Amino acid sequence: MRFNFYGITAYINLKCKCGKFYGITAYKNLKCKCGKRVKRQKRFEQSINPWNIKTPTQIYEEEAKNAEQWKTEFELCRQCQEGLK
């Protein structure tokens, strides 16, 4: 399922492998200080188990906040990270 939540384009994947995994895949598309485009994606997820007493809605809201915070962080391109430019 694809959705846009507070400016975060994300996909929700519900998987069932020895338990359920609720997560969000967030994407960001920025410009580096050198002017190149930087595309990143990151998966935010938690598993449902007896020790994690959160509901799927609580997990979704928590991970959406984490994804929103990650999306606002500045990223450098690989060349700038390596000091080539």
N, C-alpha and C. Protein backbone atom coordinates (compact mmCIF):
# COMPACT_ATOMS: atom_id res chain seq x y z
N MET A 1 0.85 -1.16 0.00
CA MET A 1 0.00 0.00 0.00
C MET A 1 0.90 1.23 0.00
N ARG A 2 0.67 2.14 -0.89
CA ARG A 2 1.46 3.36 -0.99
C ARG A 2 0.65 4.51 -0.44
N PHE A 3 1.30 5.41 0.28
CA PHE A 3 0.60 6.55 0.84
C PHE A 3 1.57 7.71 1.01
N ASN A 4 1.01 8.87 1.25
CA ASN A 4 1.80 10.07 1.51
C ASN A 4 1.37 10.58 2.88
N PHE A 5 2.29 10.56 3.84
CA PHE A 5 1.99 10.91 5.23
C PHE A 5 2.89 12.06 5.64
N TYR A 6 2.32 13.24 5.81
CA TYR A 6 3.08 14.44 6.17
C TYR A 6 4.26 14.66 5.24
N GLY A 7 4.06 14.47 3.95
CA GLY A 7 5.12 14.71 2.98
C GLY A 7 6.08 13.56 2.81
N ILE A 8 5.84 12.44 3.46
CA ILE A 8 6.71 11.27 3.33
C ILE A 8 6.02 10.28 2.41
N THR A 9 6.64 10.01 1.27
CA THR A 9 6.11 8.98 0.40
C THR A 9 6.60 7.65 0.95
N ALA A 10 5.71 6.78 1.27
CA ALA A 10 6.11 5.54 1.92
C ALA A 10 5.23 4.39 1.46
N TYR A 11 5.76 3.21 1.64
CA TYR A 11 5.04 1.98 1.37
C TYR A 11 4.90 1.23 2.69
N ILE A 12 3.71 0.70 2.96
CA ILE A 12 3.51 -0.11 4.14
C ILE A 12 3.53 -1.56 3.70
N ASN A 13 4.40 -2.33 4.31
CA ASN A 13 4.49 -3.75 4.01
C ASN A 13 4.14 -4.52 5.27
N LEU A 14 3.15 -5.36 5.18
CA LEU A 14 2.79 -6.23 6.29
C LEU A 14 3.22 -7.63 5.90
N LYS A 15 4.16 -8.20 6.65
CA LYS A 15 4.70 -9.52 6.33
C LYS A 15 4.39 -10.48 7.46
N CYS A 16 4.32 -11.72 7.14
CA CYS A 16 4.09 -12.74 8.15
C CYS A 16 5.17 -13.81 8.01
N LYS A 17 6.22 -13.72 8.82
CA LYS A 17 7.28 -14.73 8.88
C LYS A 17 7.56 -14.97 10.35
N CYS A 18 7.03 -16.03 10.89
CA CYS A 18 7.18 -16.34 12.33
C CYS A 18 6.75 -15.14 13.17
N GLY A 19 5.73 -14.48 12.79
CA GLY A 19 5.26 -13.28 13.46
C GLY A 19 4.96 -12.23 12.41
N LYS A 20 4.36 -11.15 12.80
CA LYS A 20 4.01 -10.11 11.86
C LYS A 20 4.98 -8.95 11.99
N PHE A 21 5.37 -8.40 10.87
CA PHE A 21 6.24 -7.23 10.84
C PHE A 21 5.46 -6.07 10.28
N TYR A 22 5.40 -5.00 11.01
CA TYR A 22 4.72 -3.81 10.55
C TYR A 22 5.78 -2.76 10.29
N GLY A 23 5.80 -2.21 9.10
CA GLY A 23 6.85 -1.26 8.79
C GLY A 23 6.50 -0.30 7.69
N ILE A 24 7.38 0.68 7.56
CA ILE A 24 7.25 1.73 6.57
C ILE A 24 8.57 1.83 5.84
N THR A 25 8.53 1.92 4.52
CA THR A 25 9.72 2.22 3.74
C THR A 25 9.60 3.67 3.29
N ALA A 26 10.51 4.50 3.76
CA ALA A 26 10.47 5.93 3.45
C ALA A 26 11.53 6.25 2.39
N TYR A 27 11.25 7.22 1.56
CA TYR A 27 12.14 7.65 0.49
C TYR A 27 12.38 9.14 0.60
N LYS A 28 13.60 9.56 0.25
CA LYS A 28 13.86 11.00 0.17
C LYS A 28 14.71 11.28 -1.06
N ASN A 29 14.49 12.45 -1.63
CA ASN A 29 15.15 12.88 -2.85
C ASN A 29 15.60 14.32 -2.61
N LEU A 30 16.89 14.51 -2.38
CA LEU A 30 17.43 15.82 -2.02
C LEU A 30 18.52 16.25 -2.98
N LYS A 31 19.02 17.46 -2.78
CA LYS A 31 20.21 17.91 -3.49
C LYS A 31 21.35 18.02 -2.49
N CYS A 32 22.51 17.52 -2.90
CA CYS A 32 23.72 17.63 -2.09
C CYS A 32 24.24 19.07 -2.19
N LYS A 33 25.22 19.41 -1.34
CA LYS A 33 25.78 20.76 -1.39
C LYS A 33 26.50 21.03 -2.71
N CYS A 34 26.94 19.96 -3.42
CA CYS A 34 27.60 20.13 -4.72
C CYS A 34 26.59 20.26 -5.85
N GLY A 35 25.30 20.05 -5.58
CA GLY A 35 24.26 20.19 -6.59
C GLY A 35 23.75 18.89 -7.16
N LYS A 36 24.38 17.76 -6.82
CA LYS A 36 23.91 16.47 -7.33
C LYS A 36 22.68 16.01 -6.58
N ARG A 37 21.85 15.21 -7.25
CA ARG A 37 20.67 14.64 -6.63
C ARG A 37 21.09 13.46 -5.75
N VAL A 38 20.48 13.37 -4.58
CA VAL A 38 20.74 12.27 -3.65
C VAL A 38 19.42 11.57 -3.37
N LYS A 39 19.37 10.29 -3.68
CA LYS A 39 18.16 9.50 -3.41
C LYS A 39 18.51 8.46 -2.35
N ARG A 40 17.68 8.38 -1.33
CA ARG A 40 17.89 7.41 -0.26
C ARG A 40 16.55 6.77 0.10
N GLN A 41 16.62 5.56 0.60
CA GLN A 41 15.44 4.90 1.14
C GLN A 41 15.85 4.15 2.39
N LYS A 42 14.92 4.04 3.33
CA LYS A 42 15.21 3.37 4.59
C LYS A 42 13.94 2.68 5.08
N ARG A 43 14.12 1.54 5.68
CA ARG A 43 13.01 0.74 6.19
C ARG A 43 12.92 0.92 7.70
N PHE A 44 11.72 1.26 8.17
CA PHE A 44 11.43 1.39 9.59
C PHE A 44 10.39 0.33 9.93
N GLU A 45 10.73 -0.59 10.85
CA GLU A 45 9.78 -1.63 11.17
C GLU A 45 9.98 -2.14 12.59
N GLN A 46 8.94 -2.74 13.10
CA GLN A 46 8.96 -3.41 14.40
C GLN A 46 8.17 -4.70 14.26
N SER A 47 8.51 -5.67 15.08
CA SER A 47 7.77 -6.93 15.05
C SER A 47 6.74 -6.97 16.16
N ILE A 48 5.71 -7.72 15.92
CA ILE A 48 4.68 -7.95 16.93
C ILE A 48 5.04 -9.25 17.63
N ASN A 49 5.22 -9.19 18.94
CA ASN A 49 5.50 -10.38 19.72
C ASN A 49 4.95 -10.19 21.13
N PRO A 50 4.96 -11.21 21.97
CA PRO A 50 4.38 -11.08 23.31
C PRO A 50 5.04 -10.01 24.19
N TRP A 51 6.30 -9.68 23.94
CA TRP A 51 7.00 -8.69 24.74
C TRP A 51 6.81 -7.28 24.22
N ASN A 52 6.33 -7.14 23.02
CA ASN A 52 6.04 -5.83 22.43
C ASN A 52 4.52 -5.66 22.46
N ILE A 53 4.02 -4.97 23.46
CA ILE A 53 2.58 -4.91 23.66
C ILE A 53 1.92 -3.75 22.93
N LYS A 54 2.58 -3.19 21.96
CA LYS A 54 2.00 -2.10 21.18
C LYS A 54 1.05 -2.65 20.13
N THR A 55 0.06 -1.86 19.82
CA THR A 55 -0.87 -2.24 18.75
C THR A 55 -0.24 -1.87 17.40
N PRO A 56 -0.70 -2.45 16.31
CA PRO A 56 -0.17 -2.08 15.00
C PRO A 56 -0.29 -0.58 14.71
N THR A 57 -1.37 0.03 15.18
CA THR A 57 -1.55 1.47 14.97
C THR A 57 -0.49 2.27 15.71
N GLN A 58 -0.17 1.88 16.95
CA GLN A 58 0.86 2.57 17.71
C GLN A 58 2.23 2.42 17.05
N ILE A 59 2.52 1.21 16.55
CA ILE A 59 3.79 0.98 15.86
C ILE A 59 3.85 1.82 14.60
N TYR A 60 2.77 1.85 13.85
CA TYR A 60 2.72 2.64 12.62
C TYR A 60 2.98 4.12 12.90
N GLU A 61 2.32 4.67 13.93
CA GLU A 61 2.50 6.08 14.25
C GLU A 61 3.93 6.37 14.70
N GLU A 62 4.51 5.48 15.50
CA GLU A 62 5.88 5.65 15.97
C GLU A 62 6.87 5.61 14.82
N GLU A 63 6.71 4.63 13.94
CA GLU A 63 7.62 4.51 12.80
C GLU A 63 7.42 5.64 11.79
N ALA A 64 6.20 6.14 11.65
CA ALA A 64 5.97 7.28 10.77
C ALA A 64 6.69 8.52 11.30
N LYS A 65 6.72 8.70 12.62
CA LYS A 65 7.47 9.82 13.21
C LYS A 65 8.96 9.66 12.98
N ASN A 66 9.46 8.42 13.15
CA ASN A 66 10.88 8.16 12.89
C ASN A 66 11.23 8.43 11.42
N ALA A 67 10.35 8.01 10.52
CA ALA A 67 10.58 8.23 9.09
C ALA A 67 10.56 9.72 8.76
N GLU A 68 9.64 10.46 9.38
CA GLU A 68 9.56 11.90 9.14
C GLU A 68 10.83 12.60 9.62
N GLN A 69 11.34 12.20 10.79
CA GLN A 69 12.57 12.78 11.31
C GLN A 69 13.75 12.45 10.39
N TRP A 70 13.85 11.21 9.94
CA TRP A 70 14.92 10.79 9.04
C TRP A 70 14.87 11.56 7.72
N LYS A 71 13.66 11.81 7.24
CA LYS A 71 13.50 12.48 5.96
C LYS A 71 14.04 13.91 5.99
N THR A 72 14.02 14.55 7.15
CA THR A 72 14.49 15.94 7.24
C THR A 72 16.01 16.04 7.42
N GLU A 73 16.69 14.92 7.69
CA GLU A 73 18.14 14.94 7.86
C GLU A 73 18.84 15.15 6.52
N PHE A 74 19.91 15.94 6.54
CA PHE A 74 20.66 16.25 5.33
C PHE A 74 21.54 15.07 4.95
N GLU A 75 21.66 14.81 3.66
CA GLU A 75 22.49 13.72 3.14
C GLU A 75 23.49 14.27 2.13
N LEU A 76 24.69 13.71 2.12
CA LEU A 76 25.70 14.04 1.12
C LEU A 76 25.75 12.95 0.07
N CYS A 77 26.17 13.31 -1.14
CA CYS A 77 26.36 12.30 -2.17
C CYS A 77 27.62 11.48 -1.83
N ARG A 78 27.81 10.38 -2.50
CA ARG A 78 28.96 9.51 -2.19
C ARG A 78 30.28 10.21 -2.43
N GLN A 79 30.36 11.00 -3.49
CA GLN A 79 31.62 11.68 -3.79
C GLN A 79 31.98 12.69 -2.71
N CYS A 80 31.01 13.41 -2.20
CA CYS A 80 31.26 14.37 -1.13
C CYS A 80 31.59 13.64 0.17
N GLN A 81 30.97 12.50 0.42
CA GLN A 81 31.29 11.72 1.62
C GLN A 81 32.72 11.21 1.59
N GLU A 82 33.18 10.83 0.42
CA GLU A 82 34.53 10.30 0.28
C GLU A 82 35.58 11.41 0.14
N GLY A 83 35.13 12.65 0.03
CA GLY A 83 36.05 13.77 -0.08
C GLY A 83 36.65 13.96 -1.45
N LEU A 84 36.01 13.39 -2.49
CA LEU A 84 36.54 13.52 -3.84
C LEU A 84 36.20 14.86 -4.47
N LYS A 85 35.18 15.50 -3.96
CA LYS A 85 34.77 16.76 -4.58
C LYS A 85 34.79 17.89 -3.60
